Amino acid sequence: MPVFDDETPAVANLDPALLGALRRAAIDAEGDGVEIFVNGGWRSREYQEQLLREAIAKYGSEEEAARWVSTPDRSAHVSGDAVDVWPPAARAWLSEHGARYGLCQIYRNEPWHYELRPEAVEDGCPPMFADASPDSRSRR
């Protein structure tokens, strides 16, 4: 049975409903021969700010960095409401089966980023946002 290390802050500080859905999905994925690993979960505000500064340096502007990294005030990672999954086979499995658990890819440009959308169990995942930039949320 897959186990996420509850001792790591990245997992221990996740929203309990998100963690429960992820555990159920991981058990079923394992039955299909796919392992789901959380390689990013909850983040402190300070770490999110560091990631944003690094993205600005990498992409050359705040506007371009915002496509990939949210501010600490907007990040679902800081609130414990998002996970990044690995490896690519896990992403593919969640892309196909995640809605059954309420796990949805949120950003078209980030196939590793999943958030809990409980309504997806009955209605399917909502349309993805183009990217993480604030104005992207108004352009589905």
C-alpha atoms as a PDB file:
ATOM      1  CA  MET A   1       0.000   0.000   0.000  1.00  0.00           C
ATOM      2  CA  PRO A   2       1.426   3.420  -0.912  1.00  0.00           C
ATOM      3  CA  VAL A   3       2.324   5.601   2.007  1.00  0.00           C
ATOM      4  CA  PHE A   4       3.007   9.307   1.967  1.00  0.00           C
ATOM      5  CA  ASP A   5       5.405  10.333   4.690  1.00  0.00           C
ATOM      6  CA  ASP A   6       3.175  12.248   7.083  1.00  0.00           C
ATOM      7  CA  GLU A   7       6.265  13.418   8.949  1.00  0.00           C
ATOM      8  CA  THR A   8       7.395  15.720   6.159  1.00  0.00           C
ATOM      9  CA  PRO A   9       5.872  19.204   6.348  1.00  0.00           C
ATOM     10  CA  ALA A  10       5.072  19.057   2.617  1.00  0.00           C
ATOM     11  CA  VAL A  11       2.596  16.236   3.344  1.00  0.00           C
ATOM     12  CA  ALA A  12       1.730  16.773   7.014  1.00  0.00           C
ATOM     13  CA  ASN A  13       0.409  20.277   6.300  1.00  0.00           C
ATOM     14  CA  LEU A  14      -1.793  19.308   3.348  1.00  0.00           C
ATOM     15  CA  ASP A  15      -5.528  19.757   3.601  1.00  0.00           C
ATOM     16  CA  PRO A  16      -6.822  16.454   5.053  1.00  0.00           C
ATOM     17  CA  ALA A  17      -9.423  16.033   2.294  1.00  0.00           C
ATOM     18  CA  LEU A  18      -6.752  16.484  -0.402  1.00  0.00           C
ATOM     19  CA  LEU A  19      -4.464  14.003   1.336  1.00  0.00           C
ATOM     20  CA  GLY A  20      -7.291  11.475   1.675  1.00  0.00           C
ATOM     21  CA  ALA A  21      -8.172  11.739  -2.017  1.00  0.00           C
ATOM     22  CA  LEU A  22      -4.524  11.402  -2.951  1.00  0.00           C
ATOM     23  CA  ARG A  23      -4.125   8.300  -0.784  1.00  0.00           C
ATOM     24  CA  ARG A  24      -7.191   6.648  -2.366  1.00  0.00           C
ATOM     25  CA  ALA A  25      -5.920   7.467  -5.848  1.00  0.00           C
ATOM     26  CA  ALA A  26      -2.423   6.172  -5.039  1.00  0.00           C
ATOM     27  CA  ILE A  27      -3.809   2.853  -3.813  1.00  0.00           C
ATOM     28  CA  ASP A  28      -5.803   2.389  -7.012  1.00  0.00           C
ATOM     29  CA  ALA A  29      -2.924   3.561  -9.205  1.00  0.00           C
ATOM     30  CA  GLU A  30      -0.657   1.029  -7.539  1.00  0.00           C
ATOM     31  CA  GLY A  31      -3.135  -1.655  -8.609  1.00  0.00           C
ATOM     32  CA  ASP A  32      -2.477  -0.493 -12.178  1.00  0.00           C
ATOM     33  CA  GLY A  33       1.287  -0.671 -11.627  1.00  0.00           C
ATOM     34  CA  VAL A  34       1.727   3.102 -11.213  1.00  0.00           C
ATOM     35  CA  GLU A  35       3.333   4.738  -8.191  1.00  0.00           C
ATOM     36  CA  ILE A  36       2.345   8.270  -7.269  1.00  0.00           C
ATOM     37  CA  PHE A  37       4.915  10.341  -5.437  1.00  0.00           C
ATOM     38  CA  VAL A  38       4.353  13.780  -3.955  1.00  0.00           C
ATOM     39  CA  ASN A  39       7.407  15.800  -4.895  1.00  0.00           C
ATOM     40  CA  GLY A  40       5.838  19.082  -3.839  1.00  0.00           C
ATOM     41  CA  GLY A  41       3.042  19.833  -1.419  1.00  0.00           C
ATOM     42  CA  TRP A  42       2.614  22.391   1.331  1.00  0.00           C
ATOM     43  CA  ARG A  43       5.155  25.225   1.252  1.00  0.00           C
ATOM     44  CA  SER A  44       5.928  27.959   3.705  1.00  0.00           C
ATOM     45  CA  ARG A  45       5.323  31.539   2.600  1.00  0.00           C
ATOM     46  CA  GLU A  46       9.080  32.107   2.753  1.00  0.00           C
ATOM     47  CA  TYR A  47       9.841  29.170   0.479  1.00  0.00           C
ATOM     48  CA  GLN A  48       7.150  30.231  -1.987  1.00  0.00           C
ATOM     49  CA  GLU A  49       8.653  33.726  -2.046  1.00  0.00           C
ATOM     50  CA  GLN A  50      12.091  32.203  -2.707  1.00  0.00           C
ATOM     51  CA  LEU A  51      10.675  30.160  -5.600  1.00  0.00           C
ATOM     52  CA  LEU A  52       9.097  33.315  -7.021  1.00  0.00           C
ATOM     53  CA  ARG A  53      12.386  35.261  -6.797  1.00  0.00           C
ATOM     54  CA  GLU A  54      14.181  32.376  -8.533  1.00  0.00           C
ATOM     55  CA  ALA A  55      11.537  32.292 -11.276  1.00  0.00           C
ATOM     56  CA  ILE A  56      11.877  36.044 -11.849  1.00  0.00           C
ATOM     57  CA  ALA A  57      15.629  35.603 -12.225  1.00  0.00           C
ATOM     58  CA  LYS A  58      15.143  32.633 -14.569  1.00  0.00           C
ATOM     59  CA  TYR A  59      12.395  34.104 -16.768  1.00  0.00           C
ATOM     60  CA  GLY A  60      13.520  37.736 -16.663  1.00  0.00           C
ATOM     61  CA  SER A  61      10.330  39.396 -15.484  1.00  0.00           C
ATOM     62  CA  GLU A  62       7.622  39.162 -12.844  1.00  0.00           C
ATOM     63  CA  GLU A  63       5.012  38.789 -15.580  1.00  0.00           C
ATOM     64  CA  GLU A  64       6.679  35.740 -17.150  1.00  0.00           C
ATOM     65  CA  ALA A  65       7.544  34.205 -13.768  1.00  0.00           C
ATOM     66  CA  ALA A  66       3.880  34.498 -12.742  1.00  0.00           C
ATOM     67  CA  ARG A  67       3.013  31.940 -15.420  1.00  0.00           C
ATOM     68  CA  TRP A  68       4.884  29.329 -13.371  1.00  0.00           C
ATOM     69  CA  VAL A  69       5.009  30.474  -9.748  1.00  0.00           C
ATOM     70  CA  SER A  70       2.294  32.170  -7.714  1.00  0.00           C
ATOM     71  CA  THR A  71       2.873  34.722  -5.004  1.00  0.00           C
ATOM     72  CA  PRO A  72       2.655  33.433  -1.423  1.00  0.00           C
ATOM     73  CA  ASP A  73      -0.761  35.107  -1.109  1.00  0.00           C
ATOM     74  CA  ARG A  74      -2.152  33.232  -4.138  1.00  0.00           C
ATOM     75  CA  SER A  75      -0.345  29.899  -3.961  1.00  0.00           C
ATOM     76  CA  ALA A  76      -2.463  26.826  -3.272  1.00  0.00           C
ATOM     77  CA  HIS A  77       0.738  25.203  -2.010  1.00  0.00           C
ATOM     78  CA  VAL A  78       1.021  27.716   0.843  1.00  0.00           C
ATOM     79  CA  SER A  79      -2.525  26.931   1.960  1.00  0.00           C
ATOM     80  CA  GLY A  80      -1.919  23.167   1.698  1.00  0.00           C
ATOM     81  CA  ASP A  81      -4.375  22.795  -1.166  1.00  0.00           C
ATOM     82  CA  ALA A  82      -2.051  21.597  -3.946  1.00  0.00           C
ATOM     83  CA  VAL A  83       0.402  18.830  -4.714  1.00  0.00           C
ATOM     84  CA  ASP A  84       2.952  18.287  -7.425  1.00  0.00           C
ATOM     85  CA  VAL A  85       3.203  14.654  -8.475  1.00  0.00           C
ATOM     86  CA  TRP A  86       5.905  12.525  -9.986  1.00  0.00           C
ATOM     87  CA  PRO A  87       6.780  10.537 -12.135  1.00  0.00           C
ATOM     88  CA  PRO A  88       5.279  11.195 -15.579  1.00  0.00           C
ATOM     89  CA  ALA A  89       3.372   7.881 -15.383  1.00  0.00           C
ATOM     90  CA  ALA A  90       1.631   9.157 -12.231  1.00  0.00           C
ATOM     91  CA  ARG A  91       0.689  12.358 -14.024  1.00  0.00           C
ATOM     92  CA  ALA A  92      -0.719  10.380 -16.927  1.00  0.00           C
ATOM     93  CA  TRP A  93      -2.683   8.128 -14.572  1.00  0.00           C
ATOM     94  CA  LEU A  94      -4.131  11.100 -12.670  1.00  0.00           C
ATOM     95  CA  SER A  95      -4.949  12.849 -15.935  1.00  0.00           C
ATOM     96  CA  GLU A  96      -7.081   9.864 -16.905  1.00  0.00           C
ATOM     97  CA  HIS A  97      -8.476   8.831 -13.499  1.00  0.00           C
ATOM     98  CA  GLY A  98      -8.005  11.761 -11.095  1.00  0.00           C
ATOM     99  CA  ALA A  99     -11.522  13.179 -11.428  1.00  0.00           C
ATOM    100  CA  ARG A 100     -12.884  10.021  -9.749  1.00  0.00           C
ATOM    101  CA  TYR A 101     -11.103  11.217  -6.596  1.00  0.00           C
ATOM    102  CA  GLY A 102     -11.696  14.920  -7.139  1.00  0.00           C
ATOM    103  CA  LEU A 103      -8.059  15.417  -8.149  1.00  0.00           C
ATOM    104  CA  CYS A 104      -7.715  17.810 -11.066  1.00  0.00           C
ATOM    105  CA  GLN A 105      -4.887  19.319 -13.044  1.00  0.00           C
ATOM    106  CA  ILE A 106      -5.444  23.051 -12.676  1.00  0.00           C
ATOM    107  CA  TYR A 107      -2.946  24.675 -15.062  1.00  0.00           C
ATOM    108  CA  ARG A 108      -2.523  23.579 -18.669  1.00  0.00           C
ATOM    109  CA  ASN A 109       1.208  24.349 -18.519  1.00  0.00           C
ATOM    110  CA  GLU A 110       1.801  22.373 -15.287  1.00  0.00           C
ATOM    111  CA  PRO A 111       0.863  18.695 -15.759  1.00  0.00           C
ATOM    112  CA  TRP A 112       2.325  17.897 -12.328  1.00  0.00           C
ATOM    113  CA  HIS A 113       0.114  20.303 -10.311  1.00  0.00           C
ATOM    114  CA  TYR A 114      -3.104  18.864  -8.840  1.00  0.00           C
ATOM    115  CA  GLU A 115      -5.721  20.334  -6.553  1.00  0.00           C
ATOM    116  CA  LEU A 116      -8.839  18.896  -4.966  1.00  0.00           C
ATOM    117  CA  ARG A 117     -12.120  19.711  -6.703  1.00  0.00           C
ATOM    118  CA  PRO A 118     -14.729  17.517  -4.930  1.00  0.00           C
ATOM    119  CA  GLU A 119     -17.385  18.333  -7.521  1.00  0.00           C
ATOM    120  CA  ALA A 120     -15.204  16.634 -10.154  1.00  0.00           C
ATOM    121  CA  VAL A 121     -16.253  13.235  -8.787  1.00  0.00           C
ATOM    122  CA  GLU A 122     -19.695  13.778 -10.345  1.00  0.00           C
ATOM    123  CA  ASP A 123     -19.110  16.539 -12.894  1.00  0.00           C
ATOM    124  CA  GLY A 124     -15.544  15.931 -14.098  1.00  0.00           C
ATOM    125  CA  CYS A 125     -12.689  18.369 -13.723  1.00  0.00           C
ATOM    126  CA  PRO A 126     -13.303  22.011 -14.613  1.00  0.00           C
ATOM    127  CA  PRO A 127     -11.530  23.570 -17.591  1.00  0.00           C
ATOM    128  CA  MET A 128      -7.873  24.258 -16.885  1.00  0.00           C
ATOM    129  CA  PHE A 129      -6.413  27.710 -16.570  1.00  0.00           C
ATOM    130  CA  ALA A 130      -3.721  28.502 -19.131  1.00  0.00           C
ATOM    131  CA  ASP A 131      -1.107  29.002 -16.425  1.00  0.00           C
ATOM    132  CA  ALA A 132      -0.622  30.289 -12.878  1.00  0.00           C
ATOM    133  CA  SER A 133      -0.664  33.995 -13.765  1.00  0.00           C
ATOM    134  CA  PRO A 134      -3.438  36.018 -12.112  1.00  0.00           C
ATOM    135  CA  ASP A 135      -4.999  37.092 -15.396  1.00  0.00           C
ATOM    136  CA  SER A 136      -4.996  33.497 -16.644  1.00  0.00           C
ATOM    137  CA  ARG A 137      -7.880  32.715 -14.291  1.00  0.00           C
ATOM    138  CA  SER A 138     -10.135  34.919 -16.389  1.00  0.00           C
ATOM    139  CA  ARG A 139      -8.999  33.204 -19.624  1.00  0.00           C
ATOM    140  CA  ARG A 140      -9.887  29.507 -19.517  1.00  0.00           C
END
